N, C-alpha and C. Protein backbone atom coordinates (compact mmCIF):
# COMPACT_ATOMS: atom_id res chain seq x y z
N UNK A 1 -55.51 114.24 -52.78
CA UNK A 1 -56.26 115.41 -53.19
C UNK A 1 -57.65 115.02 -53.66
N UNK A 2 -57.71 114.01 -54.53
CA UNK A 2 -59.00 113.55 -55.05
C UNK A 2 -59.83 112.95 -53.92
N UNK A 3 -59.20 112.21 -53.02
CA UNK A 3 -59.89 111.60 -51.90
C UNK A 3 -60.51 112.69 -51.01
N UNK A 4 -59.78 113.78 -50.75
CA UNK A 4 -60.29 114.88 -49.93
C UNK A 4 -61.47 115.56 -50.62
N UNK A 5 -61.38 115.76 -51.94
CA UNK A 5 -62.47 116.38 -52.67
C UNK A 5 -63.72 115.51 -52.64
N UNK A 6 -63.55 114.20 -52.77
CA UNK A 6 -64.69 113.28 -52.69
C UNK A 6 -65.33 113.33 -51.31
N UNK A 7 -64.50 113.42 -50.25
CA UNK A 7 -65.02 113.50 -48.89
C UNK A 7 -65.84 114.76 -48.70
N UNK A 8 -65.38 115.88 -49.25
CA UNK A 8 -66.12 117.13 -49.14
C UNK A 8 -67.47 117.03 -49.85
N UNK A 9 -67.48 116.44 -51.04
CA UNK A 9 -68.73 116.27 -51.79
C UNK A 9 -69.70 115.38 -51.02
N UNK A 10 -69.19 114.29 -50.43
CA UNK A 10 -70.06 113.39 -49.67
C UNK A 10 -70.62 114.07 -48.43
N UNK A 11 -69.82 114.85 -47.73
CA UNK A 11 -70.30 115.57 -46.56
C UNK A 11 -71.36 116.60 -46.97
N UNK A 12 -71.11 117.34 -48.04
CA UNK A 12 -72.07 118.32 -48.52
C UNK A 12 -73.37 117.65 -48.94
N UNK A 13 -73.27 116.55 -49.65
CA UNK A 13 -74.47 115.84 -50.09
C UNK A 13 -75.25 115.29 -48.91
N UNK A 14 -74.56 114.87 -47.86
CA UNK A 14 -75.25 114.34 -46.67
C UNK A 14 -75.96 115.43 -45.90
N UNK A 15 -75.49 116.66 -45.97
CA UNK A 15 -76.10 117.74 -45.20
C UNK A 15 -77.24 118.42 -45.93
N UNK A 16 -77.30 118.27 -47.25
CA UNK A 16 -78.39 118.89 -48.01
C UNK A 16 -79.65 118.05 -47.87
N UNK A 17 -80.82 118.67 -47.99
CA UNK A 17 -82.06 117.92 -47.85
C UNK A 17 -82.17 116.84 -48.93
N UNK A 18 -82.62 115.65 -48.52
CA UNK A 18 -82.77 114.56 -49.47
C UNK A 18 -83.92 114.84 -50.43
N UNK A 19 -85.02 115.27 -49.89
CA UNK A 19 -86.17 115.63 -50.71
C UNK A 19 -86.80 116.86 -50.09
N UNK A 20 -87.13 117.81 -50.91
CA UNK A 20 -87.69 119.06 -50.41
C UNK A 20 -89.05 118.82 -49.77
N UNK A 21 -89.26 119.45 -48.63
CA UNK A 21 -90.58 119.44 -48.01
C UNK A 21 -91.49 120.30 -48.87
N UNK A 22 -92.74 119.95 -48.91
CA UNK A 22 -93.69 120.70 -49.71
C UNK A 22 -94.60 121.48 -48.77
N UNK A 23 -94.26 122.76 -48.56
CA UNK A 23 -95.11 123.58 -47.71
C UNK A 23 -95.04 125.03 -48.16
N UNK A 24 -96.05 125.81 -47.83
CA UNK A 24 -96.01 127.23 -48.19
C UNK A 24 -94.95 127.97 -47.37
N UNK A 25 -94.45 129.06 -47.92
CA UNK A 25 -93.38 129.82 -47.27
C UNK A 25 -93.76 130.28 -45.87
N UNK A 26 -95.02 130.68 -45.68
CA UNK A 26 -95.41 131.19 -44.35
C UNK A 26 -95.60 130.08 -43.31
N UNK A 27 -95.38 128.82 -43.68
CA UNK A 27 -95.43 127.69 -42.73
C UNK A 27 -94.06 127.04 -42.56
N UNK A 28 -93.06 127.49 -43.33
CA UNK A 28 -91.74 126.87 -43.34
C UNK A 28 -90.92 127.23 -42.11
N UNK A 29 -90.12 126.27 -41.65
CA UNK A 29 -89.17 126.48 -40.56
C UNK A 29 -87.78 126.12 -41.10
N UNK A 30 -86.87 127.08 -41.03
CA UNK A 30 -85.49 126.88 -41.49
C UNK A 30 -84.57 126.84 -40.28
N UNK A 31 -83.58 125.94 -40.33
CA UNK A 31 -82.56 125.87 -39.29
C UNK A 31 -81.19 125.95 -39.96
N UNK A 32 -80.16 126.38 -39.22
CA UNK A 32 -78.84 126.53 -39.84
C UNK A 32 -78.27 125.18 -40.29
N UNK A 33 -77.69 125.19 -41.47
CA UNK A 33 -77.03 124.00 -41.98
C UNK A 33 -75.75 123.73 -41.21
N UNK A 34 -75.07 124.80 -40.77
CA UNK A 34 -73.82 124.68 -40.02
C UNK A 34 -73.98 125.41 -38.69
N UNK A 35 -74.47 124.71 -37.68
CA UNK A 35 -74.69 125.33 -36.37
C UNK A 35 -73.39 125.68 -35.67
N UNK A 36 -72.25 125.14 -36.13
CA UNK A 36 -70.96 125.47 -35.52
C UNK A 36 -70.55 126.91 -35.80
N UNK A 37 -71.23 127.56 -36.73
CA UNK A 37 -70.89 128.93 -37.11
C UNK A 37 -71.68 129.95 -36.28
N UNK A 38 -72.01 129.60 -35.04
CA UNK A 38 -72.81 130.43 -34.16
C UNK A 38 -71.89 131.32 -33.34
N UNK A 39 -71.78 132.57 -33.73
CA UNK A 39 -70.84 133.49 -33.07
C UNK A 39 -71.23 133.86 -31.66
N UNK A 40 -72.50 133.78 -31.30
CA UNK A 40 -72.92 134.23 -29.98
C UNK A 40 -72.86 133.12 -28.93
N UNK A 41 -72.62 131.90 -29.33
CA UNK A 41 -72.60 130.79 -28.38
C UNK A 41 -71.28 130.74 -27.63
N UNK A 42 -71.37 130.69 -26.32
CA UNK A 42 -70.16 130.50 -25.52
C UNK A 42 -69.69 129.06 -25.71
N UNK A 43 -68.44 128.77 -25.35
CA UNK A 43 -67.92 127.41 -25.51
C UNK A 43 -68.83 126.43 -24.78
N UNK A 44 -69.22 125.39 -25.48
CA UNK A 44 -70.05 124.35 -24.87
C UNK A 44 -71.54 124.65 -24.86
N UNK A 45 -71.96 125.82 -25.32
CA UNK A 45 -73.38 126.18 -25.33
C UNK A 45 -73.90 126.06 -26.75
N UNK A 46 -75.01 125.37 -26.92
CA UNK A 46 -75.61 125.21 -28.24
C UNK A 46 -76.89 126.04 -28.29
N UNK A 47 -76.91 127.01 -29.18
CA UNK A 47 -78.12 127.81 -29.36
C UNK A 47 -79.08 127.08 -30.30
N UNK A 48 -80.32 127.48 -30.27
CA UNK A 48 -81.36 126.85 -31.07
C UNK A 48 -81.97 127.89 -31.99
N UNK A 49 -81.41 128.03 -33.19
CA UNK A 49 -81.83 129.05 -34.13
C UNK A 49 -82.89 128.53 -35.09
N UNK A 50 -83.81 129.42 -35.51
CA UNK A 50 -84.74 129.09 -36.57
C UNK A 50 -85.20 130.36 -37.27
N UNK A 51 -85.54 130.20 -38.54
CA UNK A 51 -86.10 131.29 -39.33
C UNK A 51 -87.47 130.86 -39.82
N UNK A 52 -88.44 131.75 -39.64
CA UNK A 52 -89.78 131.53 -40.17
C UNK A 52 -90.19 132.78 -40.95
N UNK A 53 -91.22 132.65 -41.75
CA UNK A 53 -91.76 133.77 -42.51
C UNK A 53 -93.20 133.98 -42.04
N UNK A 54 -93.48 135.16 -41.54
CA UNK A 54 -94.81 135.48 -41.05
C UNK A 54 -95.56 136.28 -42.11
N UNK A 55 -96.77 135.86 -42.42
CA UNK A 55 -97.58 136.57 -43.39
C UNK A 55 -98.06 137.88 -42.78
N UNK A 56 -97.73 139.00 -43.40
CA UNK A 56 -98.10 140.34 -42.94
C UNK A 56 -98.57 141.15 -44.14
N UNK A 57 -99.81 140.96 -44.58
CA UNK A 57 -100.26 141.67 -45.77
C UNK A 57 -100.29 143.18 -45.62
N UNK A 58 -100.26 143.69 -44.38
CA UNK A 58 -100.30 145.13 -44.15
C UNK A 58 -98.92 145.77 -44.09
N UNK A 59 -97.85 144.99 -44.27
CA UNK A 59 -96.51 145.55 -44.19
C UNK A 59 -96.24 146.46 -45.39
N UNK A 60 -95.37 147.44 -45.19
CA UNK A 60 -95.06 148.37 -46.27
C UNK A 60 -93.96 147.83 -47.19
N UNK A 61 -93.47 146.63 -46.92
CA UNK A 61 -92.41 146.04 -47.73
C UNK A 61 -92.96 145.56 -49.06
N UNK A 62 -92.04 145.20 -49.96
CA UNK A 62 -92.41 144.74 -51.30
C UNK A 62 -93.04 143.35 -51.31
N UNK A 63 -92.87 142.60 -50.25
CA UNK A 63 -93.40 141.24 -50.18
C UNK A 63 -94.31 141.13 -48.95
N UNK A 64 -95.37 140.31 -49.02
CA UNK A 64 -96.37 140.31 -47.94
C UNK A 64 -96.02 139.45 -46.73
N UNK A 65 -94.76 139.26 -46.43
CA UNK A 65 -94.37 138.53 -45.23
C UNK A 65 -93.12 139.17 -44.66
N UNK A 66 -92.84 138.83 -43.42
CA UNK A 66 -91.61 139.28 -42.77
C UNK A 66 -90.81 138.03 -42.37
N UNK A 67 -89.51 138.19 -42.27
CA UNK A 67 -88.63 137.11 -41.84
C UNK A 67 -88.46 137.25 -40.32
N UNK A 68 -88.74 136.18 -39.60
CA UNK A 68 -88.55 136.17 -38.15
C UNK A 68 -87.38 135.25 -37.84
N UNK A 69 -86.34 135.81 -37.25
CA UNK A 69 -85.14 135.08 -36.86
C UNK A 69 -85.18 134.93 -35.35
N UNK A 70 -85.22 133.69 -34.87
CA UNK A 70 -85.38 133.45 -33.43
C UNK A 70 -84.27 132.57 -32.89
N UNK A 71 -83.86 132.87 -31.67
CA UNK A 71 -82.98 132.00 -30.90
C UNK A 71 -83.86 131.50 -29.75
N UNK A 72 -84.33 130.26 -29.87
CA UNK A 72 -85.36 129.74 -28.96
C UNK A 72 -84.84 129.48 -27.55
N UNK A 73 -83.57 129.12 -27.39
CA UNK A 73 -83.04 128.83 -26.05
C UNK A 73 -83.12 130.06 -25.15
N UNK A 74 -82.82 131.23 -25.70
CA UNK A 74 -82.86 132.47 -24.93
C UNK A 74 -84.21 133.19 -25.03
N UNK A 75 -85.06 132.74 -25.95
CA UNK A 75 -86.36 133.39 -26.13
C UNK A 75 -86.25 134.74 -26.80
N UNK A 76 -85.25 134.92 -27.68
CA UNK A 76 -85.06 136.19 -28.37
C UNK A 76 -85.40 136.04 -29.85
N UNK A 77 -85.96 137.10 -30.42
CA UNK A 77 -86.30 137.07 -31.85
C UNK A 77 -86.20 138.47 -32.42
N UNK A 78 -85.92 138.53 -33.72
CA UNK A 78 -85.89 139.79 -34.46
C UNK A 78 -86.72 139.59 -35.72
N UNK A 79 -87.39 140.65 -36.16
CA UNK A 79 -88.19 140.58 -37.37
C UNK A 79 -87.64 141.54 -38.41
N UNK A 80 -87.69 141.09 -39.67
CA UNK A 80 -87.13 141.84 -40.79
C UNK A 80 -88.16 141.94 -41.91
N UNK A 81 -88.29 143.11 -42.49
CA UNK A 81 -89.09 143.29 -43.69
C UNK A 81 -88.24 142.90 -44.88
N UNK A 82 -88.89 142.52 -45.96
CA UNK A 82 -88.19 142.13 -47.19
C UNK A 82 -88.48 143.17 -48.25
N UNK A 83 -87.45 143.63 -48.93
CA UNK A 83 -87.62 144.63 -49.98
C UNK A 83 -86.74 144.29 -51.17
N UNK A 84 -87.17 144.76 -52.32
CA UNK A 84 -86.39 144.63 -53.56
C UNK A 84 -86.00 146.02 -54.02
N UNK A 85 -84.89 146.56 -53.51
CA UNK A 85 -84.51 147.91 -53.92
C UNK A 85 -84.26 147.99 -55.42
N UNK A 86 -84.69 149.06 -56.06
CA UNK A 86 -84.46 149.21 -57.51
C UNK A 86 -82.97 149.18 -57.83
N UNK A 87 -82.62 148.48 -58.89
CA UNK A 87 -81.23 148.42 -59.32
C UNK A 87 -80.42 147.31 -58.69
N UNK A 88 -81.01 146.57 -57.75
CA UNK A 88 -80.30 145.46 -57.11
C UNK A 88 -80.86 144.15 -57.65
N UNK A 89 -80.02 143.13 -57.71
CA UNK A 89 -80.46 141.86 -58.28
C UNK A 89 -80.94 140.88 -57.22
N UNK A 90 -81.05 141.31 -55.98
CA UNK A 90 -81.47 140.40 -54.91
C UNK A 90 -82.35 141.14 -53.92
N UNK A 91 -83.14 140.37 -53.20
CA UNK A 91 -83.95 140.93 -52.13
C UNK A 91 -83.04 141.27 -50.95
N UNK A 92 -83.48 142.21 -50.14
CA UNK A 92 -82.78 142.61 -48.93
C UNK A 92 -83.75 142.47 -47.75
N UNK A 93 -83.20 142.26 -46.57
CA UNK A 93 -84.00 142.31 -45.36
C UNK A 93 -83.49 143.46 -44.51
N UNK A 94 -84.42 144.16 -43.86
CA UNK A 94 -84.03 145.22 -42.94
C UNK A 94 -84.88 145.09 -41.68
N UNK A 95 -84.26 145.41 -40.54
CA UNK A 95 -84.86 145.14 -39.24
C UNK A 95 -86.08 146.01 -38.97
N UNK A 96 -87.14 145.35 -38.50
CA UNK A 96 -88.34 146.03 -38.02
C UNK A 96 -88.39 146.02 -36.50
N UNK A 97 -88.12 144.85 -35.91
CA UNK A 97 -88.16 144.68 -34.46
C UNK A 97 -86.86 144.01 -34.02
N UNK A 98 -86.08 144.67 -33.15
CA UNK A 98 -84.82 144.08 -32.69
C UNK A 98 -85.06 142.95 -31.69
N UNK A 99 -84.06 142.12 -31.41
CA UNK A 99 -84.22 141.04 -30.44
C UNK A 99 -84.64 141.57 -29.08
N UNK A 100 -85.73 141.03 -28.56
CA UNK A 100 -86.21 141.43 -27.24
C UNK A 100 -86.78 142.83 -27.18
N UNK A 101 -87.05 143.48 -28.32
CA UNK A 101 -87.52 144.86 -28.32
C UNK A 101 -88.81 145.05 -29.06
N UNK A 102 -89.23 146.31 -29.12
CA UNK A 102 -90.49 146.65 -29.78
C UNK A 102 -90.27 147.34 -31.11
N UNK A 103 -89.09 147.84 -31.36
CA UNK A 103 -88.82 148.54 -32.60
C UNK A 103 -88.94 150.05 -32.46
N UNK A 104 -89.45 150.52 -31.32
CA UNK A 104 -89.55 151.97 -31.10
C UNK A 104 -88.16 152.54 -30.90
N UNK A 105 -87.87 153.62 -31.59
CA UNK A 105 -86.56 154.25 -31.48
C UNK A 105 -85.48 153.55 -32.28
N UNK A 106 -85.83 152.55 -33.08
CA UNK A 106 -84.86 151.82 -33.89
C UNK A 106 -84.42 152.69 -35.05
N UNK A 107 -83.11 152.84 -35.22
CA UNK A 107 -82.57 153.57 -36.36
C UNK A 107 -82.30 152.56 -37.46
N UNK A 108 -83.16 152.50 -38.50
CA UNK A 108 -82.98 151.48 -39.53
C UNK A 108 -81.67 151.62 -40.31
N UNK A 109 -81.10 152.80 -40.33
CA UNK A 109 -79.83 152.99 -41.03
C UNK A 109 -78.65 152.35 -40.32
N UNK A 110 -78.79 152.10 -39.02
CA UNK A 110 -77.70 151.50 -38.24
C UNK A 110 -78.00 150.06 -37.83
N UNK A 111 -79.23 149.62 -38.02
CA UNK A 111 -79.62 148.27 -37.61
C UNK A 111 -79.10 147.23 -38.61
N UNK A 112 -78.91 145.99 -38.16
CA UNK A 112 -78.45 144.94 -39.06
C UNK A 112 -79.39 144.73 -40.24
N UNK A 113 -78.81 144.52 -41.40
CA UNK A 113 -79.55 144.24 -42.63
C UNK A 113 -78.72 143.25 -43.44
N UNK A 114 -79.32 142.67 -44.46
CA UNK A 114 -78.62 141.67 -45.24
C UNK A 114 -79.29 141.48 -46.59
N UNK A 115 -78.54 140.88 -47.51
CA UNK A 115 -79.14 140.34 -48.72
C UNK A 115 -79.93 139.10 -48.32
N UNK A 116 -80.85 138.67 -49.18
CA UNK A 116 -81.64 137.47 -48.93
C UNK A 116 -81.65 136.64 -50.20
N UNK A 117 -81.18 135.41 -50.09
CA UNK A 117 -81.16 134.50 -51.24
C UNK A 117 -81.91 133.23 -50.87
N UNK A 118 -82.67 132.70 -51.83
CA UNK A 118 -83.30 131.39 -51.71
C UNK A 118 -82.69 130.48 -52.77
N UNK A 119 -82.53 129.19 -52.44
CA UNK A 119 -81.93 128.23 -53.35
C UNK A 119 -82.79 126.98 -53.46
N UNK A 120 -82.75 126.36 -54.64
CA UNK A 120 -83.39 125.06 -54.86
C UNK A 120 -82.45 123.95 -54.42
N UNK A 121 -82.92 122.70 -54.55
CA UNK A 121 -82.09 121.54 -54.20
C UNK A 121 -80.79 121.50 -55.00
N UNK A 122 -80.82 122.05 -56.20
CA UNK A 122 -79.64 122.04 -57.07
C UNK A 122 -78.70 123.22 -56.80
N UNK A 123 -78.98 123.99 -55.75
CA UNK A 123 -78.23 125.16 -55.33
C UNK A 123 -78.31 126.32 -56.33
N UNK A 124 -79.27 126.28 -57.23
CA UNK A 124 -79.53 127.43 -58.10
C UNK A 124 -80.48 128.37 -57.38
N UNK A 125 -80.26 129.67 -57.57
CA UNK A 125 -81.11 130.66 -56.91
C UNK A 125 -82.53 130.60 -57.46
N UNK A 126 -83.49 130.72 -56.55
CA UNK A 126 -84.91 130.77 -56.90
C UNK A 126 -85.53 131.96 -56.19
N UNK A 127 -86.69 132.38 -56.65
CA UNK A 127 -87.40 133.49 -56.02
C UNK A 127 -88.86 133.09 -55.83
N UNK A 128 -89.28 132.86 -54.58
CA UNK A 128 -90.65 132.42 -54.36
C UNK A 128 -91.70 133.53 -54.51
N UNK A 129 -91.29 134.73 -54.81
CA UNK A 129 -92.20 135.86 -54.86
C UNK A 129 -93.29 135.67 -55.90
N UNK A 130 -92.97 135.10 -57.06
CA UNK A 130 -93.91 135.02 -58.15
C UNK A 130 -95.01 133.98 -57.97
N UNK A 131 -94.89 133.14 -56.98
CA UNK A 131 -95.87 132.09 -56.77
C UNK A 131 -96.97 132.57 -55.83
N UNK A 132 -98.19 132.02 -56.00
CA UNK A 132 -99.29 132.38 -55.10
C UNK A 132 -100.03 131.13 -54.69
N UNK A 133 -100.01 130.68 -53.47
CA UNK A 133 -99.11 131.12 -52.40
C UNK A 133 -97.69 130.59 -52.66
N UNK A 134 -96.68 131.34 -52.23
CA UNK A 134 -95.31 130.91 -52.52
C UNK A 134 -94.92 129.62 -51.78
N UNK A 135 -94.27 128.74 -52.50
CA UNK A 135 -93.77 127.49 -51.92
C UNK A 135 -92.40 127.76 -51.29
N UNK A 136 -92.14 127.14 -50.17
CA UNK A 136 -90.87 127.33 -49.45
C UNK A 136 -89.73 126.65 -50.20
N UNK A 137 -88.70 127.41 -50.60
CA UNK A 137 -87.52 126.79 -51.21
C UNK A 137 -86.76 125.96 -50.16
N UNK A 138 -85.99 124.97 -50.58
CA UNK A 138 -85.28 124.11 -49.64
C UNK A 138 -84.17 124.80 -48.84
N UNK A 139 -83.57 125.86 -49.39
CA UNK A 139 -82.45 126.51 -48.71
C UNK A 139 -82.60 128.03 -48.81
N UNK A 140 -82.04 128.72 -47.83
CA UNK A 140 -81.98 130.18 -47.87
C UNK A 140 -80.69 130.66 -47.23
N UNK A 141 -80.33 131.92 -47.49
CA UNK A 141 -79.10 132.48 -46.94
C UNK A 141 -79.29 133.97 -46.69
N UNK A 142 -78.74 134.44 -45.58
CA UNK A 142 -78.69 135.86 -45.23
C UNK A 142 -77.22 136.21 -45.03
N UNK A 143 -76.45 136.34 -46.11
CA UNK A 143 -75.00 136.54 -45.98
C UNK A 143 -74.66 137.87 -45.32
N UNK A 144 -73.77 137.81 -44.36
CA UNK A 144 -73.30 139.02 -43.69
C UNK A 144 -74.15 139.46 -42.51
N UNK A 145 -75.26 138.77 -42.23
CA UNK A 145 -76.11 139.19 -41.11
C UNK A 145 -75.40 138.98 -39.77
N UNK A 146 -74.63 137.90 -39.64
CA UNK A 146 -73.89 137.66 -38.40
C UNK A 146 -72.94 138.81 -38.10
N UNK A 147 -72.17 139.21 -39.09
CA UNK A 147 -71.22 140.30 -38.92
C UNK A 147 -71.94 141.61 -38.58
N UNK A 148 -73.10 141.83 -39.22
CA UNK A 148 -73.87 143.05 -38.94
C UNK A 148 -74.35 143.08 -37.49
N UNK A 149 -74.81 141.94 -36.96
CA UNK A 149 -75.22 141.89 -35.56
C UNK A 149 -74.02 142.04 -34.64
N UNK A 150 -72.89 141.44 -35.00
CA UNK A 150 -71.69 141.51 -34.18
C UNK A 150 -71.25 142.97 -34.02
N UNK A 151 -71.33 143.74 -35.07
CA UNK A 151 -70.90 145.14 -35.03
C UNK A 151 -71.95 146.08 -34.46
N UNK A 152 -73.21 145.65 -34.39
CA UNK A 152 -74.31 146.54 -34.04
C UNK A 152 -74.45 146.82 -32.56
N UNK A 153 -74.56 145.80 -31.74
CA UNK A 153 -74.82 145.98 -30.31
C UNK A 153 -73.72 145.35 -29.48
N UNK A 154 -73.52 145.93 -28.33
CA UNK A 154 -72.48 145.43 -27.42
C UNK A 154 -73.11 144.95 -26.11
N UNK A 155 -74.27 144.28 -26.17
CA UNK A 155 -74.98 143.85 -24.95
C UNK A 155 -74.62 142.40 -24.58
N UNK A 156 -73.38 142.04 -24.70
CA UNK A 156 -72.97 140.68 -24.44
C UNK A 156 -73.09 139.82 -25.68
N UNK A 157 -73.55 140.43 -26.76
CA UNK A 157 -73.67 139.74 -28.05
C UNK A 157 -74.39 138.41 -27.90
N UNK A 158 -75.56 138.45 -27.29
CA UNK A 158 -76.35 137.24 -27.07
C UNK A 158 -77.13 136.82 -28.32
N UNK A 159 -77.19 137.67 -29.33
CA UNK A 159 -77.99 137.38 -30.52
C UNK A 159 -77.15 137.63 -31.76
N UNK A 160 -76.30 136.69 -32.08
CA UNK A 160 -75.48 136.75 -33.30
C UNK A 160 -75.79 135.48 -34.08
N UNK A 161 -76.66 135.55 -35.09
CA UNK A 161 -77.05 134.34 -35.80
C UNK A 161 -75.89 133.75 -36.60
N UNK A 162 -75.95 132.44 -36.86
CA UNK A 162 -74.90 131.83 -37.67
C UNK A 162 -74.97 132.29 -39.11
N UNK A 163 -73.81 132.40 -39.74
CA UNK A 163 -73.75 132.67 -41.18
C UNK A 163 -73.97 131.36 -41.93
N UNK A 164 -74.05 131.46 -43.20
CA UNK A 164 -74.15 130.26 -44.02
C UNK A 164 -75.56 129.98 -44.47
N UNK A 165 -75.77 128.75 -44.93
CA UNK A 165 -77.07 128.34 -45.45
C UNK A 165 -77.99 127.89 -44.33
N UNK A 166 -79.28 128.11 -44.55
CA UNK A 166 -80.33 127.63 -43.67
C UNK A 166 -81.17 126.66 -44.49
N UNK A 167 -81.52 125.51 -43.90
CA UNK A 167 -82.28 124.51 -44.65
C UNK A 167 -83.71 124.41 -44.12
N UNK A 168 -84.61 124.11 -45.01
CA UNK A 168 -86.00 123.86 -44.67
C UNK A 168 -86.07 122.53 -43.93
N UNK A 169 -86.47 122.56 -42.65
CA UNK A 169 -86.46 121.34 -41.85
C UNK A 169 -87.84 120.93 -41.38
N UNK A 170 -88.81 121.83 -41.43
CA UNK A 170 -90.14 121.48 -40.95
C UNK A 170 -91.18 122.41 -41.56
N UNK A 171 -92.42 121.97 -41.48
CA UNK A 171 -93.56 122.78 -41.89
C UNK A 171 -94.51 122.89 -40.70
N UNK A 172 -94.80 124.10 -40.28
CA UNK A 172 -95.74 124.30 -39.17
C UNK A 172 -97.16 124.06 -39.66
N UNK A 173 -98.00 123.60 -38.77
CA UNK A 173 -99.40 123.38 -39.17
C UNK A 173 -100.25 124.61 -38.93
């Protein structure tokens, strides 16, 4: 039992970033920590997922950037606004542009949405909103977004992002 627990800790420690990259949030590139949790991948197919934050000062959301979730192998991407609804303790994302679409005719009440959490190296929640310019936290999570996409469209389910944590893996120039 103790040996198994030690193995789990070692595996988790090996998958977490050794040292946080130092870059602004709008230059950060996040990739899934557990790519095996990709619901849209057929057996033997590896998708190439990434999350970036695009600076959009003209957006009507509470924060001046949008989250762009992309599957690069298929060339599909979806964009989400970030909001802090009153009475909730976490930020939420809601779809602005669906994968491969323009957003026209999108019913936001039926489109995939999720909570949004950012974490430090110590796995404590952080919020980059208060910083100017905000620094990219080492980890982020959009819990339940996979299930929301799975239930939303029946087009072969080519765009079902993995659940779990996403780690900061690169900084764009």
